[in-house]
Amino acid sequence: MITNIEISKSIKYQIPYLNSKEFKNQFNMGWGYFYIYHFREFKDIYLAVKEFNFTSLPVFTDLVIKKLKIKPVQTPWDREGRRINEYINAFKKLALLSENNELVDRTLFLDSEIGNELTKNDLTIFKNLFFRYYRFREIMSWFLNPLNNVSRNELIENITEEKLISESKVIYSYSNKSRFNDTFFFKLKDNTPIYYINNDDEDFMRFWDVFISWAKNLGLVEKINLKSLNITLSNHKKSITCVYFLSEAESTFDLYDYIQDNFKSKYINTAKLVINLAIKYRLPIESIKNQIVKQCKEKKNKLSMQRTSRVFIRDKTELNCIPKVNNYYISHIMVI
């Protein structure tokens, strides 16, 4: 795998999506984004609206905090109701709540209660919302064909989970001119085409993070920081991450043959091995780690697992990509 990628001669394209004006004209909606990351909060606030209605933000905020005592997942509720209003905004974008604050769809979370943990049925509801919302589907289309401008609406309309599983690509992203990820590419090779979000559209850059959060919580994608691979871009030192929709294909790789074909050394860094395999086969990190341990045990005459303890692994990203057997981490594989 190439680690120092030259991009000085890369062709640059603006990645396609509806700007705010285009979105308003097509959907009669002035704001197309919401910044919601916690499903349990979403479910609880929805159930509160369903039971008590939403009349005004101050009254509803007081209800959530004092009467219902809905527990926030991480950040405390603010008394001004800014965080709660973000959920009201999301309900409207997802066509669950009308502009008059009347609940349009009362069929969600029928077997759930405020404060309860999420059920499988709850996650199915969130998956349906995820695939239903246009802004999410716009980003999904990037994984299939980022430059299909002629029939983009047709591409977006025909997106299915099955299509993403079988046909989607790995997306590599980094922050170029913003604190958010704003630049993307699809191949780890010199002068690969570069795709970018408009410099002045930080709203959409933030929404990319919302998309990743929802997709990860639904078990649809894997996101990997490539710091362990030491991949750098010319004139660019920021970290690169990759995201891919998980494939349902079974991992059929032969670990010994893969190492022989792709690594010159006989002493292989396990984190790098895991990441390379995960990207190649679009499989979960945990699945790859389990396969490595399994095959090393089956081929003890060819592969040896080199153990280390937690104290010697300083990088958290690397730690997540290292298999663990009993109380030891397998930091390297040695070819015998």
C-alpha atoms as a PDB file:
ATOM      1  CA  MET A   1       0.000   0.000   0.000  1.00  0.00           C
ATOM      2  CA  ILE A   2       1.391   3.406  -0.987  1.00  0.00           C
ATOM      3  CA  THR A   3       2.062   5.654   2.022  1.00  0.00           C
ATOM      4  CA  ASN A   4       3.256   8.964   0.524  1.00  0.00           C
ATOM      5  CA  ILE A   5       0.646  10.120  -1.968  1.00  0.00           C
ATOM      6  CA  GLU A   6       1.442  12.888  -4.437  1.00  0.00           C
ATOM      7  CA  ILE A   7      -1.603  15.067  -5.139  1.00  0.00           C
ATOM      8  CA  SER A   8      -0.036  18.171  -6.722  1.00  0.00           C
ATOM      9  CA  LYS A   9      -1.386  17.137 -10.136  1.00  0.00           C
ATOM     10  CA  SER A  10      -4.691  15.725  -8.933  1.00  0.00           C
ATOM     11  CA  ILE A  11      -7.788  16.922 -10.758  1.00  0.00           C
ATOM     12  CA  LYS A  12     -10.155  18.580  -8.303  1.00  0.00           C
ATOM     13  CA  TYR A  13     -13.951  18.344  -8.440  1.00  0.00           C
ATOM     14  CA  GLN A  14     -16.639  19.895  -6.300  1.00  0.00           C
ATOM     15  CA  ILE A  15     -18.529  16.952  -4.876  1.00  0.00           C
ATOM     16  CA  PRO A  16     -22.208  17.161  -5.901  1.00  0.00           C
ATOM     17  CA  TYR A  17     -24.962  18.072  -3.450  1.00  0.00           C
ATOM     18  CA  LEU A  18     -27.823  20.556  -3.318  1.00  0.00           C
ATOM     19  CA  ASN A  19     -26.842  23.913  -1.874  1.00  0.00           C
ATOM     20  CA  SER A  20     -29.262  25.594   0.538  1.00  0.00           C
ATOM     21  CA  LYS A  21     -31.088  27.498  -2.206  1.00  0.00           C
ATOM     22  CA  GLU A  22     -31.490  24.409  -4.391  1.00  0.00           C
ATOM     23  CA  PHE A  23     -32.655  22.362  -1.426  1.00  0.00           C
ATOM     24  CA  LYS A  24     -35.261  24.986  -0.518  1.00  0.00           C
ATOM     25  CA  ASN A  25     -36.585  25.106  -4.090  1.00  0.00           C
ATOM     26  CA  GLN A  26     -36.854  21.318  -4.327  1.00  0.00           C
ATOM     27  CA  PHE A  27     -38.245  20.572  -0.855  1.00  0.00           C
ATOM     28  CA  ASN A  28     -39.739  23.897   0.225  1.00  0.00           C
ATOM     29  CA  MET A  29     -37.509  23.729   3.276  1.00  0.00           C
ATOM     30  CA  GLY A  30     -35.204  26.535   4.336  1.00  0.00           C
ATOM     31  CA  TRP A  31     -32.731  24.442   6.310  1.00  0.00           C
ATOM     32  CA  GLY A  32     -31.687  20.949   5.335  1.00  0.00           C
ATOM     33  CA  TYR A  33     -29.431  19.880   8.188  1.00  0.00           C
ATOM     34  CA  PHE A  34     -29.681  18.711  11.765  1.00  0.00           C
ATOM     35  CA  TYR A  35     -26.913  17.815  14.159  1.00  0.00           C
ATOM     36  CA  ILE A  36     -28.279  14.901  16.156  1.00  0.00           C
ATOM     37  CA  TYR A  37     -25.933  12.134  17.301  1.00  0.00           C
ATOM     38  CA  HIS A  38     -27.729  10.274  20.101  1.00  0.00           C
ATOM     39  CA  PHE A  39     -30.537   7.874  19.201  1.00  0.00           C
ATOM     40  CA  ARG A  40     -31.766   7.423  22.761  1.00  0.00           C
ATOM     41  CA  GLU A  41     -32.235  11.172  23.235  1.00  0.00           C
ATOM     42  CA  PHE A  42     -34.028  11.325  19.863  1.00  0.00           C
ATOM     43  CA  LYS A  43     -36.393   8.548  20.934  1.00  0.00           C
ATOM     44  CA  ASP A  44     -37.103  10.087  24.348  1.00  0.00           C
ATOM     45  CA  ILE A  45     -37.768  13.602  23.016  1.00  0.00           C
ATOM     46  CA  TYR A  46     -40.045  12.172  20.293  1.00  0.00           C
ATOM     47  CA  LEU A  47     -42.050  10.235  22.901  1.00  0.00           C
ATOM     48  CA  ALA A  48     -42.311  13.403  25.027  1.00  0.00           C
ATOM     49  CA  VAL A  49     -43.713  15.335  22.043  1.00  0.00           C
ATOM     50  CA  LYS A  50     -46.101  12.455  21.323  1.00  0.00           C
ATOM     51  CA  GLU A  51     -47.454  12.369  24.879  1.00  0.00           C
ATOM     52  CA  PHE A  52     -47.416  16.036  25.854  1.00  0.00           C
ATOM     53  CA  ASN A  53     -47.273  17.931  22.524  1.00  0.00           C
ATOM     54  CA  PHE A  54     -44.875  20.739  21.718  1.00  0.00           C
ATOM     55  CA  THR A  55     -46.452  24.129  22.376  1.00  0.00           C
ATOM     56  CA  SER A  56     -43.422  26.328  22.947  1.00  0.00           C
ATOM     57  CA  LEU A  57     -39.724  25.788  23.515  1.00  0.00           C
ATOM     58  CA  PRO A  58     -39.609  27.223  27.088  1.00  0.00           C
ATOM     59  CA  VAL A  59     -42.580  25.123  28.236  1.00  0.00           C
ATOM     60  CA  PHE A  60     -41.318  21.950  26.575  1.00  0.00           C
ATOM     61  CA  THR A  61     -37.767  22.455  27.866  1.00  0.00           C
ATOM     62  CA  ASP A  62     -39.089  22.799  31.381  1.00  0.00           C
ATOM     63  CA  LEU A  63     -41.113  19.609  30.865  1.00  0.00           C
ATOM     64  CA  VAL A  64     -38.074  17.628  29.656  1.00  0.00           C
ATOM     65  CA  ILE A  65     -35.738  18.786  32.414  1.00  0.00           C
ATOM     66  CA  LYS A  66     -37.987  19.112  35.483  1.00  0.00           C
ATOM     67  CA  LYS A  67     -41.034  16.867  35.062  1.00  0.00           C
ATOM     68  CA  LEU A  68     -39.879  14.033  32.819  1.00  0.00           C
ATOM     69  CA  LYS A  69     -36.246  14.325  33.922  1.00  0.00           C
ATOM     70  CA  ILE A  70     -35.032  12.874  30.624  1.00  0.00           C
ATOM     71  CA  LYS A  71     -31.376  11.997  31.065  1.00  0.00           C
ATOM     72  CA  PRO A  72     -29.000  13.386  28.448  1.00  0.00           C
ATOM     73  CA  VAL A  73     -26.562  10.905  26.966  1.00  0.00           C
ATOM     74  CA  GLN A  74     -23.548  13.170  27.326  1.00  0.00           C
ATOM     75  CA  THR A  75     -23.995  16.945  27.185  1.00  0.00           C
ATOM     76  CA  PRO A  76     -26.447  18.334  29.804  1.00  0.00           C
ATOM     77  CA  TRP A  77     -29.650  19.977  28.597  1.00  0.00           C
ATOM     78  CA  ASP A  78     -29.333  23.765  28.551  1.00  0.00           C
ATOM     79  CA  ARG A  79     -32.082  25.831  30.176  1.00  0.00           C
ATOM     80  CA  GLU A  80     -32.537  27.887  27.007  1.00  0.00           C
ATOM     81  CA  GLY A  81     -33.526  24.711  25.153  1.00  0.00           C
ATOM     82  CA  ARG A  82     -31.000  24.985  22.320  1.00  0.00           C
ATOM     83  CA  ARG A  83     -30.200  21.264  22.346  1.00  0.00           C
ATOM     84  CA  ILE A  84     -33.851  20.287  22.641  1.00  0.00           C
ATOM     85  CA  ASN A  85     -34.741  22.619  19.781  1.00  0.00           C
ATOM     86  CA  GLU A  86     -32.207  20.745  17.629  1.00  0.00           C
ATOM     87  CA  TYR A  87     -34.355  17.640  18.042  1.00  0.00           C
ATOM     88  CA  ILE A  88     -37.516  19.561  17.148  1.00  0.00           C
ATOM     89  CA  ASN A  89     -35.727  20.776  14.023  1.00  0.00           C
ATOM     90  CA  ALA A  90     -34.703  17.197  13.175  1.00  0.00           C
ATOM     91  CA  PHE A  91     -38.279  15.953  13.559  1.00  0.00           C
ATOM     92  CA  LYS A  92     -39.394  18.551  11.029  1.00  0.00           C
ATOM     93  CA  LYS A  93     -36.634  17.693   8.556  1.00  0.00           C
ATOM     94  CA  LEU A  94     -37.563  14.021   8.827  1.00  0.00           C
ATOM     95  CA  ALA A  95     -41.266  14.801   8.262  1.00  0.00           C
ATOM     96  CA  LEU A  96     -42.264  13.620  11.724  1.00  0.00           C
ATOM     97  CA  LEU A  97     -43.455  17.041  12.923  1.00  0.00           C
ATOM     98  CA  SER A  98     -45.297  19.706  10.939  1.00  0.00           C
ATOM     99  CA  GLU A  99     -44.305  23.348  10.821  1.00  0.00           C
ATOM    100  CA  ASN A 100     -47.272  23.930  13.164  1.00  0.00           C
ATOM    101  CA  ASN A 101     -45.607  21.587  15.669  1.00  0.00           C
ATOM    102  CA  GLU A 102     -48.163  18.823  15.222  1.00  0.00           C
ATOM    103  CA  LEU A 103     -46.852  15.270  15.225  1.00  0.00           C
ATOM    104  CA  VAL A 104     -47.394  13.898  11.725  1.00  0.00           C
ATOM    105  CA  ASP A 105     -46.206  10.345  12.319  1.00  0.00           C
ATOM    106  CA  ARG A 106     -47.268   8.823  15.652  1.00  0.00           C
ATOM    107  CA  THR A 107     -46.262   5.259  14.799  1.00  0.00           C
ATOM    108  CA  LEU A 108     -42.638   5.367  15.920  1.00  0.00           C
ATOM    109  CA  PHE A 109     -41.314   3.623  19.053  1.00  0.00           C
ATOM    110  CA  LEU A 110     -44.665   2.052  19.938  1.00  0.00           C
ATOM    111  CA  ASP A 111     -43.038  -0.545  22.204  1.00  0.00           C
ATOM    112  CA  SER A 112     -40.644   1.912  23.882  1.00  0.00           C
ATOM    113  CA  GLU A 113     -40.822   4.185  26.878  1.00  0.00           C
ATOM    114  CA  ILE A 114     -38.940   7.308  27.884  1.00  0.00           C
ATOM    115  CA  GLY A 115     -35.673   6.372  29.569  1.00  0.00           C
ATOM    116  CA  ASN A 116     -35.543   2.811  28.260  1.00  0.00           C
ATOM    117  CA  GLU A 117     -32.529   1.600  26.341  1.00  0.00           C
ATOM    118  CA  LEU A 118     -32.863   1.173  22.587  1.00  0.00           C
ATOM    119  CA  THR A 119     -34.393  -2.047  21.264  1.00  0.00           C
ATOM    120  CA  LYS A 120     -33.826  -3.808  17.946  1.00  0.00           C
ATOM    121  CA  ASN A 121     -37.157  -2.377  16.784  1.00  0.00           C
ATOM    122  CA  ASP A 122     -35.943   1.114  17.684  1.00  0.00           C
ATOM    123  CA  LEU A 123     -32.796   0.644  15.583  1.00  0.00           C
ATOM    124  CA  THR A 124     -34.918  -0.574  12.666  1.00  0.00           C
ATOM    125  CA  ILE A 125     -36.902   2.670  12.894  1.00  0.00           C
ATOM    126  CA  PHE A 126     -33.696   4.716  12.864  1.00  0.00           C
ATOM    127  CA  LYS A 127     -32.427   2.765   9.872  1.00  0.00           C
ATOM    128  CA  ASN A 128     -35.650   3.567   7.982  1.00  0.00           C
ATOM    129  CA  LEU A 129     -35.261   7.264   8.833  1.00  0.00           C
ATOM    130  CA  PHE A 130     -31.624   7.150   7.755  1.00  0.00           C
ATOM    131  CA  PHE A 131     -32.417   5.728   4.329  1.00  0.00           C
ATOM    132  CA  ARG A 132     -35.450   7.975   3.914  1.00  0.00           C
ATOM    133  CA  TYR A 133     -33.834  11.381   4.392  1.00  0.00           C
ATOM    134  CA  TYR A 134     -32.589  13.051   1.220  1.00  0.00           C
ATOM    135  CA  ARG A 135     -29.499  14.657   2.758  1.00  0.00           C
ATOM    136  CA  PHE A 136     -28.297  11.255   3.993  1.00  0.00           C
ATOM    137  CA  ARG A 137     -29.019   9.701   0.604  1.00  0.00           C
ATOM    138  CA  GLU A 138     -26.988  12.443  -1.105  1.00  0.00           C
ATOM    139  CA  ILE A 139     -23.927  11.366   0.835  1.00  0.00           C
ATOM    140  CA  MET A 140     -24.680   7.690   0.201  1.00  0.00           C
ATOM    141  CA  SER A 141     -24.509   8.448  -3.523  1.00  0.00           C
ATOM    142  CA  TRP A 142     -20.877   9.568  -3.139  1.00  0.00           C
ATOM    143  CA  PHE A 143     -19.952   6.005  -2.182  1.00  0.00           C
ATOM    144  CA  LEU A 144     -21.428   4.783  -5.485  1.00  0.00           C
ATOM    145  CA  ASN A 145     -20.599   7.466  -8.041  1.00  0.00           C
ATOM    146  CA  PRO A 146     -19.416  10.901  -6.852  1.00  0.00           C
ATOM    147  CA  LEU A 147     -19.534  12.521 -10.308  1.00  0.00           C
ATOM    148  CA  ASN A 148     -22.789  11.202 -11.720  1.00  0.00           C
ATOM    149  CA  ASN A 149     -24.289  14.664 -12.226  1.00  0.00           C
ATOM    150  CA  VAL A 150     -26.507  13.868 -15.212  1.00  0.00           C
ATOM    151  CA  SER A 151     -28.746  11.370 -13.450  1.00  0.00           C
ATOM    152  CA  ARG A 152     -27.970  12.218  -9.843  1.00  0.00           C
ATOM    153  CA  ASN A 153     -31.617  12.327  -8.750  1.00  0.00           C
ATOM    154  CA  GLU A 154     -32.183   8.921 -10.295  1.00  0.00           C
ATOM    155  CA  LEU A 155     -29.089   7.561  -8.556  1.00  0.00           C
ATOM    156  CA  ILE A 156     -30.216   8.964  -5.196  1.00  0.00           C
ATOM    157  CA  GLU A 157     -33.773   7.671  -5.602  1.00  0.00           C
ATOM    158  CA  ASN A 158     -32.581   4.145  -6.389  1.00  0.00           C
ATOM    159  CA  ILE A 159     -30.146   3.765  -3.508  1.00  0.00           C
ATOM    160  CA  THR A 160     -30.751   0.688  -1.369  1.00  0.00           C
ATOM    161  CA  GLU A 161     -28.864  -0.893   1.474  1.00  0.00           C
ATOM    162  CA  GLU A 162     -28.170  -3.886  -0.764  1.00  0.00           C
ATOM    163  CA  LYS A 163     -26.669  -1.649  -3.443  1.00  0.00           C
ATOM    164  CA  LEU A 164     -24.360   0.028  -0.930  1.00  0.00           C
ATOM    165  CA  ILE A 165     -23.276  -3.344   0.439  1.00  0.00           C
ATOM    166  CA  SER A 166     -22.448  -4.790  -2.965  1.00  0.00           C
ATOM    167  CA  GLU A 167     -21.292  -1.805  -5.054  1.00  0.00           C
ATOM    168  CA  SER A 168     -20.002   1.000  -2.843  1.00  0.00           C
ATOM    169  CA  LYS A 169     -16.418   2.245  -2.649  1.00  0.00           C
ATOM    170  CA  VAL A 170     -14.132   3.182   0.223  1.00  0.00           C
ATOM    171  CA  ILE A 171     -13.993   6.944   0.855  1.00  0.00           C
ATOM    172  CA  TYR A 172     -10.853   8.572   2.263  1.00  0.00           C
ATOM    173  CA  SER A 173     -11.311  11.998   3.824  1.00  0.00           C
ATOM    174  CA  TYR A 174      -9.375  14.745   5.556  1.00  0.00           C
ATOM    175  CA  SER A 175      -9.687  18.358   6.612  1.00  0.00           C
ATOM    176  CA  ASN A 176      -8.067  20.711   4.122  1.00  0.00           C
ATOM    177  CA  LYS A 177      -9.362  24.233   4.716  1.00  0.00           C
ATOM    178  CA  SER A 178     -11.757  23.667   7.584  1.00  0.00           C
ATOM    179  CA  ARG A 179     -11.893  22.151  11.059  1.00  0.00           C
ATOM    180  CA  PHE A 180     -14.301  19.617   9.545  1.00  0.00           C
ATOM    181  CA  ASN A 181     -13.604  17.001   6.892  1.00  0.00           C
ATOM    182  CA  ASP A 182     -14.072  18.783   3.583  1.00  0.00           C
ATOM    183  CA  THR A 183     -11.974  16.804   1.094  1.00  0.00           C
ATOM    184  CA  PHE A 184     -12.371  13.247  -0.208  1.00  0.00           C
ATOM    185  CA  PHE A 185     -10.696  10.749  -2.508  1.00  0.00           C
ATOM    186  CA  PHE A 186     -11.270   7.117  -3.454  1.00  0.00           C
ATOM    187  CA  LYS A 187      -7.903   5.532  -4.220  1.00  0.00           C
ATOM    188  CA  LEU A 188      -4.562   5.453  -2.429  1.00  0.00           C
ATOM    189  CA  LYS A 189      -2.477   6.335  -5.457  1.00  0.00           C
ATOM    190  CA  ASP A 190      -0.547   9.317  -6.798  1.00  0.00           C
ATOM    191  CA  ASN A 191      -2.565  12.139  -8.389  1.00  0.00           C
ATOM    192  CA  THR A 192      -5.858  10.486  -7.521  1.00  0.00           C
ATOM    193  CA  PRO A 193      -8.867  12.752  -8.230  1.00  0.00           C
ATOM    194  CA  ILE A 194      -9.799  14.968  -5.284  1.00  0.00           C
ATOM    195  CA  TYR A 195     -13.386  15.905  -4.360  1.00  0.00           C
ATOM    196  CA  TYR A 196     -14.212  18.800  -2.082  1.00  0.00           C
ATOM    197  CA  ILE A 197     -17.097  20.558  -0.348  1.00  0.00           C
ATOM    198  CA  ASN A 198     -17.394  24.298  -0.979  1.00  0.00           C
ATOM    199  CA  ASN A 199     -15.169  26.252   1.412  1.00  0.00           C
ATOM    200  CA  ASP A 200     -18.062  28.367   2.668  1.00  0.00           C
ATOM    201  CA  ASP A 201     -20.386  25.428   3.381  1.00  0.00           C
ATOM    202  CA  GLU A 202     -19.388  24.334   6.873  1.00  0.00           C
ATOM    203  CA  ASP A 203     -22.978  23.255   7.520  1.00  0.00           C
ATOM    204  CA  PHE A 204     -22.617  20.405   5.061  1.00  0.00           C
ATOM    205  CA  MET A 205     -19.149  19.549   6.405  1.00  0.00           C
ATOM    206  CA  ARG A 206     -20.663  19.155   9.870  1.00  0.00           C
ATOM    207  CA  PHE A 207     -23.458  17.039   8.438  1.00  0.00           C
ATOM    208  CA  TRP A 208     -20.884  14.567   7.086  1.00  0.00           C
ATOM    209  CA  ASP A 209     -20.036  13.821  10.745  1.00  0.00           C
ATOM    210  CA  VAL A 210     -23.744  13.316  11.521  1.00  0.00           C
ATOM    211  CA  PHE A 211     -24.003  10.900   8.595  1.00  0.00           C
ATOM    212  CA  ILE A 212     -21.019   8.871   9.847  1.00  0.00           C
ATOM    213  CA  SER A 213     -22.393   8.829  13.396  1.00  0.00           C
ATOM    214  CA  TRP A 214     -25.807   7.501  12.302  1.00  0.00           C
ATOM    215  CA  ALA A 215     -24.289   4.940   9.932  1.00  0.00           C
ATOM    216  CA  LYS A 216     -21.885   3.644  12.607  1.00  0.00           C
ATOM    217  CA  ASN A 217     -24.589   3.443  15.268  1.00  0.00           C
ATOM    218  CA  LEU A 218     -26.671   1.396  12.819  1.00  0.00           C
ATOM    219  CA  GLY A 219     -23.777  -0.964  12.120  1.00  0.00           C
ATOM    220  CA  LEU A 220     -23.653  -0.008   8.443  1.00  0.00           C
ATOM    221  CA  VAL A 221     -20.130   1.406   8.124  1.00  0.00           C
ATOM    222  CA  GLU A 222     -16.645   1.124   9.529  1.00  0.00           C
ATOM    223  CA  LYS A 223     -14.538   4.230  10.109  1.00  0.00           C
ATOM    224  CA  ILE A 224     -10.769   3.907  10.486  1.00  0.00           C
ATOM    225  CA  ASN A 225      -8.115   6.486  11.269  1.00  0.00           C
ATOM    226  CA  LEU A 226      -5.127   5.672   9.037  1.00  0.00           C
ATOM    227  CA  LYS A 227      -2.549   7.102  11.423  1.00  0.00           C
ATOM    228  CA  SER A 228      -1.116   3.622  12.016  1.00  0.00           C
ATOM    229  CA  LEU A 229      -0.361   3.254   8.309  1.00  0.00           C
ATOM    230  CA  ASN A 230       1.671   6.499   8.252  1.00  0.00           C
ATOM    231  CA  ILE A 231      -0.131   7.621   5.086  1.00  0.00           C
ATOM    232  CA  THR A 232       0.627  11.214   4.126  1.00  0.00           C
ATOM    233  CA  LEU A 233      -0.362  13.488   1.262  1.00  0.00           C
ATOM    234  CA  SER A 234       2.091  15.844  -0.428  1.00  0.00           C
ATOM    235  CA  ASN A 235       2.047  19.255   1.321  1.00  0.00           C
ATOM    236  CA  HIS A 236      -0.481  17.962   3.795  1.00  0.00           C
ATOM    237  CA  LYS A 237       0.134  16.644   7.304  1.00  0.00           C
ATOM    238  CA  LYS A 238      -3.386  16.216   8.663  1.00  0.00           C
ATOM    239  CA  SER A 239      -4.755  12.801   9.540  1.00  0.00           C
ATOM    240  CA  ILE A 240      -6.674  10.757   6.986  1.00  0.00           C
ATOM    241  CA  THR A 241      -9.643   8.570   7.780  1.00  0.00           C
ATOM    242  CA  CYS A 242     -11.420   6.028   5.637  1.00  0.00           C
ATOM    243  CA  VAL A 243     -15.079   5.050   5.715  1.00  0.00           C
ATOM    244  CA  TYR A 244     -16.778   2.175   3.951  1.00  0.00           C
ATOM    245  CA  PHE A 245     -20.120   0.405   3.948  1.00  0.00           C
ATOM    246  CA  LEU A 246     -19.636  -3.080   5.312  1.00  0.00           C
ATOM    247  CA  SER A 247     -19.728  -5.929   2.851  1.00  0.00           C
ATOM    248  CA  GLU A 248     -21.749  -9.039   3.655  1.00  0.00           C
ATOM    249  CA  ALA A 249     -19.338 -11.242   1.756  1.00  0.00           C
ATOM    250  CA  GLU A 250     -17.532 -13.749   3.930  1.00  0.00           C
ATOM    251  CA  SER A 251     -13.833 -13.135   4.404  1.00  0.00           C
ATOM    252  CA  THR A 252     -12.121 -15.807   2.337  1.00  0.00           C
ATOM    253  CA  PHE A 253      -8.560 -14.497   2.519  1.00  0.00           C
ATOM    254  CA  ASP A 254      -5.693 -16.777   3.385  1.00  0.00           C
ATOM    255  CA  LEU A 255      -3.646 -14.863   5.947  1.00  0.00           C
ATOM    256  CA  TYR A 256      -0.331 -16.521   5.154  1.00  0.00           C
ATOM    257  CA  ASP A 257      -0.704 -15.984   1.389  1.00  0.00           C
ATOM    258  CA  TYR A 258      -1.850 -12.383   1.906  1.00  0.00           C
ATOM    259  CA  ILE A 259       1.234 -11.588   4.010  1.00  0.00           C
ATOM    260  CA  GLN A 260       3.539 -13.233   1.481  1.00  0.00           C
ATOM    261  CA  ASP A 261       2.005 -11.214  -1.366  1.00  0.00           C
ATOM    262  CA  ASN A 262       1.805  -7.842   0.381  1.00  0.00           C
ATOM    263  CA  PHE A 263       4.571  -7.576   2.980  1.00  0.00           C
ATOM    264  CA  LYS A 264       8.330  -7.819   2.475  1.00  0.00           C
ATOM    265  CA  SER A 265       9.185  -8.197   6.144  1.00  0.00           C
ATOM    266  CA  LYS A 266       8.649 -11.394   8.103  1.00  0.00           C
ATOM    267  CA  TYR A 267       7.741  -9.346  11.180  1.00  0.00           C
ATOM    268  CA  ILE A 268       4.358  -7.732  10.535  1.00  0.00           C
ATOM    269  CA  ASN A 269       2.750  -4.932  12.540  1.00  0.00           C
ATOM    270  CA  THR A 270      -0.679  -6.341  13.385  1.00  0.00           C
ATOM    271  CA  ALA A 271      -2.512  -3.003  13.363  1.00  0.00           C
ATOM    272  CA  LYS A 272      -1.280  -2.288   9.826  1.00  0.00           C
ATOM    273  CA  LEU A 273      -2.238  -5.816   8.756  1.00  0.00           C
ATOM    274  CA  VAL A 274      -5.744  -5.480  10.201  1.00  0.00           C
ATOM    275  CA  ILE A 275      -6.371  -2.112   8.543  1.00  0.00           C
ATOM    276  CA  ASN A 276      -5.100  -3.296   5.148  1.00  0.00           C
ATOM    277  CA  LEU A 277      -7.343  -6.358   5.244  1.00  0.00           C
ATOM    278  CA  ALA A 278     -10.351  -4.381   6.489  1.00  0.00           C
ATOM    279  CA  ILE A 279     -10.087  -1.873   3.642  1.00  0.00           C
ATOM    280  CA  LYS A 280      -9.524  -4.535   0.997  1.00  0.00           C
ATOM    281  CA  TYR A 281     -12.524  -6.652   1.980  1.00  0.00           C
ATOM    282  CA  ARG A 282     -14.716  -3.923   3.567  1.00  0.00           C
ATOM    283  CA  LEU A 283     -15.201  -6.010   6.692  1.00  0.00           C
ATOM    284  CA  PRO A 284     -15.539  -5.002  10.362  1.00  0.00           C
ATOM    285  CA  ILE A 285     -12.314  -4.528  12.265  1.00  0.00           C
ATOM    286  CA  GLU A 286     -13.422  -7.069  14.880  1.00  0.00           C
ATOM    287  CA  SER A 287     -14.086  -9.678  12.196  1.00  0.00           C
ATOM    288  CA  ILE A 288     -10.585  -9.229  10.761  1.00  0.00           C
ATOM    289  CA  LYS A 289      -8.971  -9.490  14.193  1.00  0.00           C
ATOM    290  CA  ASN A 290     -10.848 -12.709  14.911  1.00  0.00           C
ATOM    291  CA  GLN A 291      -9.811 -14.170  11.548  1.00  0.00           C
ATOM    292  CA  ILE A 292      -6.158 -13.362  12.186  1.00  0.00           C
ATOM    293  CA  VAL A 293      -6.151 -15.092  15.570  1.00  0.00           C
ATOM    294  CA  LYS A 294      -8.049 -18.077  14.163  1.00  0.00           C
ATOM    295  CA  GLN A 295      -5.719 -18.561  11.219  1.00  0.00           C
ATOM    296  CA  CYS A 296      -2.571 -18.073  13.298  1.00  0.00           C
ATOM    297  CA  LYS A 297      -3.754 -20.859  15.616  1.00  0.00           C
ATOM    298  CA  GLU A 298      -4.500 -23.094  12.634  1.00  0.00           C
ATOM    299  CA  LYS A 299      -1.097 -22.411  11.020  1.00  0.00           C
ATOM    300  CA  LYS A 300       1.266 -22.467  13.975  1.00  0.00           C
ATOM    301  CA  ASN A 301       3.983 -23.910  11.766  1.00  0.00           C
ATOM    302  CA  LYS A 302       3.858 -20.824   9.512  1.00  0.00           C
ATOM    303  CA  LEU A 303       2.649 -17.892  11.638  1.00  0.00           C
ATOM    304  CA  SER A 304       3.516 -16.911  15.172  1.00  0.00           C
ATOM    305  CA  MET A 305       1.622 -14.352  17.263  1.00  0.00           C
ATOM    306  CA  GLN A 306       3.935 -11.978  19.132  1.00  0.00           C
ATOM    307  CA  ARG A 307       2.470 -10.811  22.423  1.00  0.00           C
ATOM    308  CA  THR A 308       2.744  -7.520  24.269  1.00  0.00           C
ATOM    309  CA  SER A 309       0.923  -5.804  27.157  1.00  0.00           C
ATOM    310  CA  ARG A 310      -1.371  -2.792  27.105  1.00  0.00           C
ATOM    311  CA  VAL A 311       1.244  -0.483  28.619  1.00  0.00           C
ATOM    312  CA  PHE A 312       3.400  -0.671  25.495  1.00  0.00           C
ATOM    313  CA  ILE A 313       0.579   0.400  23.132  1.00  0.00           C
ATOM    314  CA  ARG A 314       0.281   4.168  23.391  1.00  0.00           C
ATOM    315  CA  ASP A 315      -1.894   4.994  20.400  1.00  0.00           C
ATOM    316  CA  LYS A 316      -5.629   4.422  20.967  1.00  0.00           C
ATOM    317  CA  THR A 317      -6.325   4.081  17.237  1.00  0.00           C
ATOM    318  CA  GLU A 318      -3.701   1.375  16.996  1.00  0.00           C
ATOM    319  CA  LEU A 319      -5.056  -0.346  20.106  1.00  0.00           C
ATOM    320  CA  ASN A 320      -8.483  -0.734  18.494  1.00  0.00           C
ATOM    321  CA  CYS A 321      -6.876  -2.587  15.595  1.00  0.00           C
ATOM    322  CA  ILE A 322      -4.813  -5.061  17.613  1.00  0.00           C
ATOM    323  CA  PRO A 323      -6.209  -8.542  18.406  1.00  0.00           C
ATOM    324  CA  LYS A 324      -6.335  -9.626  22.018  1.00  0.00           C
ATOM    325  CA  VAL A 325      -5.842 -13.177  23.231  1.00  0.00           C
ATOM    326  CA  ASN A 326      -6.565 -13.752  26.913  1.00  0.00           C
ATOM    327  CA  ASN A 327      -4.830 -10.831  28.665  1.00  0.00           C
ATOM    328  CA  TYR A 328      -2.269 -10.115  25.939  1.00  0.00           C
ATOM    329  CA  TYR A 329      -2.337  -8.023  22.796  1.00  0.00           C
ATOM    330  CA  ILE A 330      -0.933  -9.450  19.573  1.00  0.00           C
ATOM    331  CA  SER A 331       1.231  -6.571  18.357  1.00  0.00           C
ATOM    332  CA  HIS A 332       3.021  -8.457  15.554  1.00  0.00           C
ATOM    333  CA  ILE A 333       2.767 -11.576  13.420  1.00  0.00           C
ATOM    334  CA  MET A 334       6.013 -13.351  12.621  1.00  0.00           C
ATOM    335  CA  VAL A 335       6.313 -15.468   9.508  1.00  0.00           C
ATOM    336  CA  ILE A 336       8.216 -18.635  10.404  1.00  0.00           C
END
